[in-house]
PDB file of N, CA and C in Angstrom:
ATOM      1  N   MET A   1     -45.208 -39.649  37.133  1.00  0.00           N
ATOM      2  CA  MET A   1     -44.856 -41.127  37.881  1.00  0.00           C
ATOM      3  C   MET A   1     -44.773 -42.387  36.478  1.00  0.00           C
ATOM      4  N   THR A   2     -43.942 -43.137  36.901  1.00  0.00           N
ATOM      5  CA  THR A   2     -43.504 -43.945  35.583  1.00  0.00           C
ATOM      6  C   THR A   2     -44.737 -45.133  35.460  1.00  0.00           C
ATOM      7  N   SER A   3     -45.904 -45.392  36.059  1.00  0.00           N
ATOM      8  CA  SER A   3     -46.946 -45.827  35.833  1.00  0.00           C
ATOM      9  C   SER A   3     -47.779 -45.028  34.877  1.00  0.00           C
ATOM     10  N   ASN A   4     -47.743 -43.949  34.687  1.00  0.00           N
ATOM     11  CA  ASN A   4     -48.412 -43.583  33.379  1.00  0.00           C
ATOM     12  C   ASN A   4     -47.900 -43.788  32.249  1.00  0.00           C
ATOM     13  N   ILE A   5     -46.456 -43.966  31.626  1.00  0.00           N
ATOM     14  CA  ILE A   5     -45.921 -44.536  30.388  1.00  0.00           C
ATOM     15  C   ILE A   5     -46.438 -46.118  30.466  1.00  0.00           C
ATOM     16  N   LYS A   6     -47.092 -45.805  28.987  1.00  0.00           N
ATOM     17  CA  LYS A   6     -47.527 -47.083  28.672  1.00  0.00           C
ATOM     18  C   LYS A   6     -47.371 -47.730  27.400  1.00  0.00           C
ATOM     19  N   PRO A   7     -47.556 -49.019  26.936  1.00  0.00           N
ATOM     20  CA  PRO A   7     -46.968 -49.472  25.978  1.00  0.00           C
ATOM     21  C   PRO A   7     -48.152 -49.407  24.610  1.00  0.00           C
ATOM     22  N   ALA A   8     -47.380 -49.528  23.664  1.00  0.00           N
ATOM     23  CA  ALA A   8     -48.428 -49.265  22.423  1.00  0.00           C
ATOM     24  C   ALA A   8     -48.002 -51.159  21.674  1.00  0.00           C
ATOM     25  N   SER A   9     -49.428 -51.507  21.105  1.00  0.00           N
ATOM     26  CA  SER A   9     -49.355 -52.693  20.554  1.00  0.00           C
ATOM     27  C   SER A   9     -49.694 -52.754  19.169  1.00  0.00           C
ATOM     28  N   ASP A  10     -49.410 -53.419  18.296  1.00  0.00           N
ATOM     29  CA  ASP A  10     -49.948 -53.280  17.079  1.00  0.00           C
ATOM     30  C   ASP A  10     -51.360 -54.345  16.811  1.00  0.00           C
ATOM     31  N   GLY A  11     -51.656 -55.410  17.896  1.00  0.00           N
ATOM     32  CA  GLY A  11     -52.756 -55.850  18.064  1.00  0.00           C
ATOM     33  C   GLY A  11     -52.714 -56.862  17.105  1.00  0.00           C
ATOM     34  N   GLN A  12     -51.574 -57.479  16.525  1.00  0.00           N
ATOM     35  CA  GLN A  12     -51.733 -58.432  15.886  1.00  0.00           C
ATOM     36  C   GLN A  12     -50.695 -59.368  16.567  1.00  0.00           C
ATOM     37  N   SER A  13     -49.744 -59.215  17.272  1.00  0.00           N
ATOM     38  CA  SER A  13     -48.711 -59.636  18.078  1.00  0.00           C
ATOM     39  C   SER A  13     -48.334 -59.744  19.107  1.00  0.00           C
ATOM     40  N   ASN A  14     -47.787 -60.331  19.879  1.00  0.00           N
ATOM     41  CA  ASN A  14     -47.233 -60.186  21.430  1.00  0.00           C
ATOM     42  C   ASN A  14     -46.320 -59.075  21.481  1.00  0.00           C
ATOM     43  N   ARG A  15     -45.977 -58.723  20.810  1.00  0.00           N
ATOM     44  CA  ARG A  15     -44.973 -57.586  20.894  1.00  0.00           C
ATOM     45  C   ARG A  15     -45.303 -56.223  21.084  1.00  0.00           C
ATOM     46  N   VAL A  16     -44.776 -55.515  21.961  1.00  0.00           N
ATOM     47  CA  VAL A  16     -45.716 -54.123  22.636  1.00  0.00           C
ATOM     48  C   VAL A  16     -44.107 -53.426  22.021  1.00  0.00           C
ATOM     49  N   THR A  17     -44.367 -51.857  22.245  1.00  0.00           N
ATOM     50  CA  THR A  17     -43.361 -50.712  21.932  1.00  0.00           C
ATOM     51  C   THR A  17     -43.637 -49.719  22.938  1.00  0.00           C
ATOM     52  N   PHE A  18     -42.533 -48.991  23.430  1.00  0.00           N
ATOM     53  CA  PHE A  18     -42.554 -47.968  23.953  1.00  0.00           C
ATOM     54  C   PHE A  18     -41.760 -46.763  23.082  1.00  0.00           C
ATOM     55  N   SER A  19     -42.536 -45.739  23.332  1.00  0.00           N
ATOM     56  CA  SER A  19     -42.042 -44.459  22.447  1.00  0.00           C
ATOM     57  C   SER A  19     -41.210 -43.505  24.083  1.00  0.00           C
ATOM     58  N   LEU A  20     -40.208 -43.640  24.025  1.00  0.00           N
ATOM     59  CA  LEU A  20     -39.411 -42.597  25.450  1.00  0.00           C
ATOM     60  C   LEU A  20     -39.144 -41.534  24.877  1.00  0.00           C
ATOM     61  N   THR A  21     -39.612 -40.766  25.675  1.00  0.00           N
ATOM     62  CA  THR A  21     -39.310 -39.289  25.236  1.00  0.00           C
ATOM     63  C   THR A  21     -38.029 -38.828  26.399  1.00  0.00           C
ATOM     64  N   PRO A  22     -37.089 -37.651  26.326  1.00  0.00           N
ATOM     65  CA  PRO A  22     -36.273 -37.192  27.180  1.00  0.00           C
ATOM     66  C   PRO A  22     -36.631 -36.904  28.465  1.00  0.00           C
ATOM     67  N   GLU A  23     -38.129 -36.623  28.487  1.00  0.00           N
ATOM     68  CA  GLU A  23     -38.585 -36.113  29.545  1.00  0.00           C
ATOM     69  C   GLU A  23     -39.057 -37.626  30.627  1.00  0.00           C
ATOM     70  N   MET A  24     -39.480 -38.258  29.867  1.00  0.00           N
ATOM     71  CA  MET A  24     -39.795 -39.913  30.331  1.00  0.00           C
ATOM     72  C   MET A  24     -38.578 -40.484  31.174  1.00  0.00           C
ATOM     73  N   ILE A  25     -37.679 -40.333  29.923  1.00  0.00           N
ATOM     74  CA  ILE A  25     -36.426 -40.924  30.938  1.00  0.00           C
ATOM     75  C   ILE A  25     -35.949 -40.032  31.992  1.00  0.00           C
ATOM     76  N   HIS A  26     -35.851 -38.894  32.157  1.00  0.00           N
ATOM     77  CA  HIS A  26     -35.691 -38.054  33.082  1.00  0.00           C
ATOM     78  C   HIS A  26     -36.429 -38.522  34.287  1.00  0.00           C
ATOM     79  N   GLN A  27     -37.773 -38.635  34.427  1.00  0.00           N
ATOM     80  CA  GLN A  27     -38.656 -39.007  35.085  1.00  0.00           C
ATOM     81  C   GLN A  27     -38.364 -40.637  35.488  1.00  0.00           C
ATOM     82  N   ILE A  28     -38.025 -41.443  35.056  1.00  0.00           N
ATOM     83  CA  ILE A  28     -38.004 -42.635  35.800  1.00  0.00           C
ATOM     84  C   ILE A  28     -36.461 -42.347  36.636  1.00  0.00           C
ATOM     85  N   PHE A  29     -35.034 -42.018  35.776  1.00  0.00           N
ATOM     86  CA  PHE A  29     -34.109 -41.189  36.289  1.00  0.00           C
ATOM     87  C   PHE A  29     -34.323 -40.787  38.148  1.00  0.00           C
ATOM     88  N   ALA A  30     -35.384 -39.637  37.955  1.00  0.00           N
ATOM     89  CA  ALA A  30     -35.493 -38.984  39.276  1.00  0.00           C
ATOM     90  C   ALA A  30     -36.321 -39.629  39.974  1.00  0.00           C
ATOM     91  N   GLU A  31     -37.319 -41.100  39.823  1.00  0.00           N
ATOM     92  CA  GLU A  31     -38.030 -41.883  40.578  1.00  0.00           C
ATOM     93  C   GLU A  31     -36.899 -42.785  40.694  1.00  0.00           C
ATOM     94  N   LYS A  32     -36.165 -43.550  40.273  1.00  0.00           N
ATOM     95  CA  LYS A  32     -35.238 -44.863  40.613  1.00  0.00           C
ATOM     96  C   LYS A  32     -34.065 -44.224  40.043  1.00  0.00           C
ATOM     97  N   PRO A  33     -33.213 -43.892  41.237  1.00  0.00           N
ATOM     98  CA  PRO A  33     -32.113 -43.576  40.995  1.00  0.00           C
ATOM     99  C   PRO A  33     -30.832 -44.765  40.868  1.00  0.00           C
ATOM    100  N   ALA A  34     -31.579 -45.789  40.920  1.00  0.00           N
ATOM    101  CA  ALA A  34     -30.697 -47.163  40.574  1.00  0.00           C
ATOM    102  C   ALA A  34     -30.877 -47.291  39.057  1.00  0.00           C
ATOM    103  N   VAL A  35     -31.670 -47.019  38.678  1.00  0.00           N
ATOM    104  CA  VAL A  35     -31.657 -47.308  37.243  1.00  0.00           C
ATOM    105  C   VAL A  35     -30.679 -46.211  36.500  1.00  0.00           C
ATOM    106  N   ARG A  36     -31.137 -45.006  36.846  1.00  0.00           N
ATOM    107  CA  ARG A  36     -29.921 -44.390  36.482  1.00  0.00           C
ATOM    108  C   ARG A  36     -28.373 -44.528  36.613  1.00  0.00           C
ATOM    109  N   GLN A  37     -28.321 -44.921  37.344  1.00  0.00           N
ATOM    110  CA  GLN A  37     -26.706 -45.467  37.875  1.00  0.00           C
ATOM    111  C   GLN A  37     -26.721 -46.664  36.725  1.00  0.00           C
ATOM    112  N   ALA A  38     -27.396 -47.631  36.764  1.00  0.00           N
ATOM    113  CA  ALA A  38     -27.034 -48.667  35.948  1.00  0.00           C
ATOM    114  C   ALA A  38     -26.626 -48.268  34.267  1.00  0.00           C
ATOM    115  N   TYR A  39     -27.612 -47.209  33.990  1.00  0.00           N
ATOM    116  CA  TYR A  39     -27.789 -46.466  32.602  1.00  0.00           C
ATOM    117  C   TYR A  39     -26.143 -46.065  32.579  1.00  0.00           C
ATOM    118  N   LEU A  40     -26.418 -45.218  33.395  1.00  0.00           N
ATOM    119  CA  LEU A  40     -24.382 -44.271  33.207  1.00  0.00           C
ATOM    120  C   LEU A  40     -23.587 -45.449  33.103  1.00  0.00           C
ATOM    121  N   SER A  41     -23.559 -46.988  33.838  1.00  0.00           N
ATOM    122  CA  SER A  41     -22.635 -47.853  34.056  1.00  0.00           C
ATOM    123  C   SER A  41     -22.447 -48.505  33.031  1.00  0.00           C
ATOM    124  N   PHE A  42     -23.704 -48.915  32.264  1.00  0.00           N
ATOM    125  CA  PHE A  42     -23.567 -49.645  30.888  1.00  0.00           C
ATOM    126  C   PHE A  42     -23.987 -49.336  29.432  1.00  0.00           C
ATOM    127  N   VAL A  43     -24.503 -48.160  29.541  1.00  0.00           N
ATOM    128  CA  VAL A  43     -24.567 -47.204  27.847  1.00  0.00           C
ATOM    129  C   VAL A  43     -23.398 -46.365  27.968  1.00  0.00           C
ATOM    130  N   PRO A  44     -23.192 -46.253  27.074  1.00  0.00           N
ATOM    131  CA  PRO A  44     -22.966 -47.061  25.623  1.00  0.00           C
ATOM    132  C   PRO A  44     -22.148 -48.260  25.728  1.00  0.00           C
ATOM    133  N   ARG A  45     -20.841 -48.156  26.538  1.00  0.00           N
ATOM    134  CA  ARG A  45     -19.968 -48.712  26.659  1.00  0.00           C
ATOM    135  C   ARG A  45     -20.098 -50.209  26.697  1.00  0.00           C
ATOM    136  N   LYS A  46     -21.134 -50.971  27.188  1.00  0.00           N
ATOM    137  CA  LYS A  46     -21.598 -52.311  27.323  1.00  0.00           C
ATOM    138  C   LYS A  46     -22.654 -52.975  26.344  1.00  0.00           C
ATOM    139  N   MET A  47     -23.569 -51.923  26.059  1.00  0.00           N
ATOM    140  CA  MET A  47     -24.748 -52.092  25.538  1.00  0.00           C
ATOM    141  C   MET A  47     -25.332 -50.527  25.240  1.00  0.00           C
ATOM    142  N   LYS A  48     -26.425 -50.959  24.146  1.00  0.00           N
ATOM    143  CA  LYS A  48     -26.486 -49.693  23.352  1.00  0.00           C
ATOM    144  C   LYS A  48     -27.943 -49.350  24.004  1.00  0.00           C
ATOM    145  N   GLU A  49     -28.049 -48.458  23.909  1.00  0.00           N
ATOM    146  CA  GLU A  49     -29.352 -47.470  24.820  1.00  0.00           C
ATOM    147  C   GLU A  49     -30.670 -48.230  24.473  1.00  0.00           C
ATOM    148  N   LYS A  50     -30.922 -48.694  23.323  1.00  0.00           N
ATOM    149  CA  LYS A  50     -32.319 -49.173  22.965  1.00  0.00           C
ATOM    150  C   LYS A  50     -32.437 -50.997  23.556  1.00  0.00           C
ATOM    151  N   GLU A  51     -31.152 -51.424  24.008  1.00  0.00           N
ATOM    152  CA  GLU A  51     -30.797 -52.740  24.334  1.00  0.00           C
ATOM    153  C   GLU A  51     -31.281 -52.464  26.025  1.00  0.00           C
ATOM    154  N   PHE A  52     -30.481 -51.532  26.688  1.00  0.00           N
ATOM    155  CA  PHE A  52     -30.676 -51.452  28.255  1.00  0.00           C
ATOM    156  C   PHE A  52     -32.528 -50.820  28.489  1.00  0.00           C
ATOM    157  N   TRP A  53     -33.258 -50.162  27.649  1.00  0.00           N
ATOM    158  CA  TRP A  53     -34.799 -50.076  27.829  1.00  0.00           C
ATOM    159  C   TRP A  53     -35.043 -51.251  27.493  1.00  0.00           C
ATOM    160  N   THR A  54     -34.981 -51.833  26.587  1.00  0.00           N
ATOM    161  CA  THR A  54     -35.616 -53.505  26.451  1.00  0.00           C
ATOM    162  C   THR A  54     -35.448 -53.834  27.633  1.00  0.00           C
ATOM    163  N   LYS A  55     -34.493 -54.385  28.168  1.00  0.00           N
ATOM    164  CA  LYS A  55     -34.050 -55.101  29.293  1.00  0.00           C
ATOM    165  C   LYS A  55     -34.843 -54.501  30.795  1.00  0.00           C
ATOM    166  N   TYR A  56     -34.756 -52.895  30.686  1.00  0.00           N
ATOM    167  CA  TYR A  56     -35.728 -52.409  31.764  1.00  0.00           C
ATOM    168  C   TYR A  56     -37.089 -53.000  31.617  1.00  0.00           C
ATOM    169  N   TRP A  57     -37.848 -52.818  30.475  1.00  0.00           N
ATOM    170  CA  TRP A  57     -39.015 -52.829  30.302  1.00  0.00           C
ATOM    171  C   TRP A  57     -39.492 -54.278  30.740  1.00  0.00           C
ATOM    172  N   LYS A  58     -38.701 -55.128  30.060  1.00  0.00           N
ATOM    173  CA  LYS A  58     -38.741 -56.777  30.311  1.00  0.00           C
ATOM    174  C   LYS A  58     -38.493 -56.982  31.855  1.00  0.00           C
ATOM    175  N   ALA A  59     -37.928 -56.380  32.469  1.00  0.00           N
ATOM    176  CA  ALA A  59     -37.959 -56.666  34.115  1.00  0.00           C
ATOM    177  C   ALA A  59     -38.808 -55.946  35.071  1.00  0.00           C
ATOM    178  N   GLN A  60     -39.653 -55.045  34.346  1.00  0.00           N
ATOM    179  CA  GLN A  60     -40.579 -54.292  35.099  1.00  0.00           C
ATOM    180  C   GLN A  60     -42.005 -55.160  34.609  1.00  0.00           C
ATOM    181  N   PHE A  61     -41.679 -55.454  33.849  1.00  0.00           N
ATOM    182  CA  PHE A  61     -43.008 -56.593  33.391  1.00  0.00           C
ATOM    183  C   PHE A  61     -43.313 -57.623  34.264  1.00  0.00           C
ATOM    184  N   ILE A  62     -41.826 -58.474  34.239  1.00  0.00           N
ATOM    185  CA  ILE A  62     -41.898 -59.132  34.889  1.00  0.00           C
ATOM    186  C   ILE A  62     -42.216 -59.239  36.608  1.00  0.00           C
ATOM    187  N   HIS A  63     -41.507 -58.382  36.986  1.00  0.00           N
ATOM    188  CA  HIS A  63     -41.680 -57.875  38.258  1.00  0.00           C
ATOM    189  C   HIS A  63     -43.354 -57.391  38.647  1.00  0.00           C
ATOM    190  N   SER A  64     -44.055 -57.098  37.518  1.00  0.00           N
ATOM    191  CA  SER A  64     -45.177 -56.276  37.966  1.00  0.00           C
ATOM    192  C   SER A  64     -46.270 -58.095  37.942  1.00  0.00           C
ATOM    193  N   ASN A  65     -45.927 -58.608  36.994  1.00  0.00           N
ATOM    194  CA  ASN A  65     -46.698 -59.862  37.122  1.00  0.00           C
ATOM    195  C   ASN A  65     -46.217 -60.929  38.384  1.00  0.00           C
ATOM    196  N   LYS A  66     -45.505 -60.909  38.680  1.00  0.00           N
ATOM    197  CA  LYS A  66     -44.930 -61.696  39.656  1.00  0.00           C
ATOM    198  C   LYS A  66     -45.982 -61.249  40.951  1.00  0.00           C
ATOM    199  N   ILE A  67     -45.943 -59.522  41.351  1.00  0.00           N
ATOM    200  CA  ILE A  67     -46.594 -59.125  42.481  1.00  0.00           C
ATOM    201  C   ILE A  67     -48.241 -59.437  41.995  1.00  0.00           C
ATOM    202  N   SER A  68     -48.510 -59.414  40.922  1.00  0.00           N
ATOM    203  CA  SER A  68     -50.149 -59.496  40.728  1.00  0.00           C
ATOM    204  C   SER A  68     -50.245 -61.270  41.040  1.00  0.00           C
ATOM    205  N   LEU A  69     -49.326 -62.143  40.614  1.00  0.00           N
ATOM    206  CA  LEU A  69     -49.518 -63.491  40.965  1.00  0.00           C
ATOM    207  C   LEU A  69     -49.696 -63.765  42.419  1.00  0.00           C
ATOM    208  N   LEU A  70     -48.670 -63.206  42.855  1.00  0.00           N
ATOM    209  CA  LEU A  70     -48.351 -63.404  44.374  1.00  0.00           C
ATOM    210  C   LEU A  70     -49.681 -63.031  45.264  1.00  0.00           C
ATOM    211  N   LEU A  71     -50.523 -61.668  44.858  1.00  0.00           N
ATOM    212  CA  LEU A  71     -51.884 -61.348  45.303  1.00  0.00           C
ATOM    213  C   LEU A  71     -52.643 -62.177  45.077  1.00  0.00           C
ATOM    214  N   LEU A  72     -52.741 -62.639  43.613  1.00  0.00           N
ATOM    215  CA  LEU A  72     -53.995 -63.543  43.933  1.00  0.00           C
ATOM    216  C   LEU A  72     -53.869 -64.819  44.305  1.00  0.00           C
ATOM    217  N   GLN A  73     -52.674 -65.238  44.632  1.00  0.00           N
ATOM    218  CA  GLN A  73     -52.469 -66.317  45.267  1.00  0.00           C
ATOM    219  C   GLN A  73     -52.724 -66.137  46.816  1.00  0.00           C
ATOM    220  N   ARG A  74     -52.775 -65.262  47.646  1.00  0.00           N
ATOM    221  CA  ARG A  74     -53.436 -64.767  48.595  1.00  0.00           C
ATOM    222  C   ARG A  74     -54.572 -64.591  48.893  1.00  0.00           C
ATOM    223  N   LEU A  75     -55.310 -64.009  47.661  1.00  0.00           N
ATOM    224  CA  LEU A  75     -56.665 -63.807  47.740  1.00  0.00           C
ATOM    225  C   LEU A  75     -57.136 -65.115  47.641  1.00  0.00           C
ATOM    226  N   LEU A  76     -56.918 -66.188  46.873  1.00  0.00           N
ATOM    227  CA  LEU A  76     -57.167 -67.657  46.991  1.00  0.00           C
ATOM    228  C   LEU A  76     -56.907 -68.153  48.028  1.00  0.00           C
ATOM    229  N   LYS A  77     -56.253 -67.996  48.829  1.00  0.00           N
ATOM    230  CA  LYS A  77     -55.718 -68.732  50.126  1.00  0.00           C
ATOM    231  C   LYS A  77     -56.927 -68.141  51.195  1.00  0.00           C
ATOM    232  N   MET A  78     -57.188 -66.965  51.105  1.00  0.00           N
ATOM    233  CA  MET A  78     -57.884 -66.426  52.111  1.00  0.00           C
ATOM    234  C   MET A  78     -59.224 -66.757  52.066  1.00  0.00           C
ATOM    235  N   ARG A  79     -59.943 -67.097  50.735  1.00  0.00           N
ATOM    236  CA  ARG A  79     -61.064 -67.660  50.450  1.00  0.00           C
ATOM    237  C   ARG A  79     -61.332 -68.999  50.770  1.00  0.00           C
ATOM    238  N   ILE A  80     -60.363 -69.909  51.064  1.00  0.00           N
ATOM    239  CA  ILE A  80     -60.357 -71.233  51.536  1.00  0.00           C
ATOM    240  C   ILE A  80     -60.879 -71.625  52.535  1.00  0.00           C
TER     241      ILE A  80
END
């Protein structure tokens, strides 16, 4: 499950890194066929592999934070 893939931080900046193994990439492709299709469409003709995964993880982060914010807003409305 891709939720098991965790970022690493140096503890001094806001920068996080991921070390993706071929097995992790295979797991992402298996769980999300659209990501595999995008990868095949863009890498290496339109972008480098590192750029693809950077964009993917940024999108994942934004999506997860958006969901968290929506849940928080719903909880706050329920308390009023």
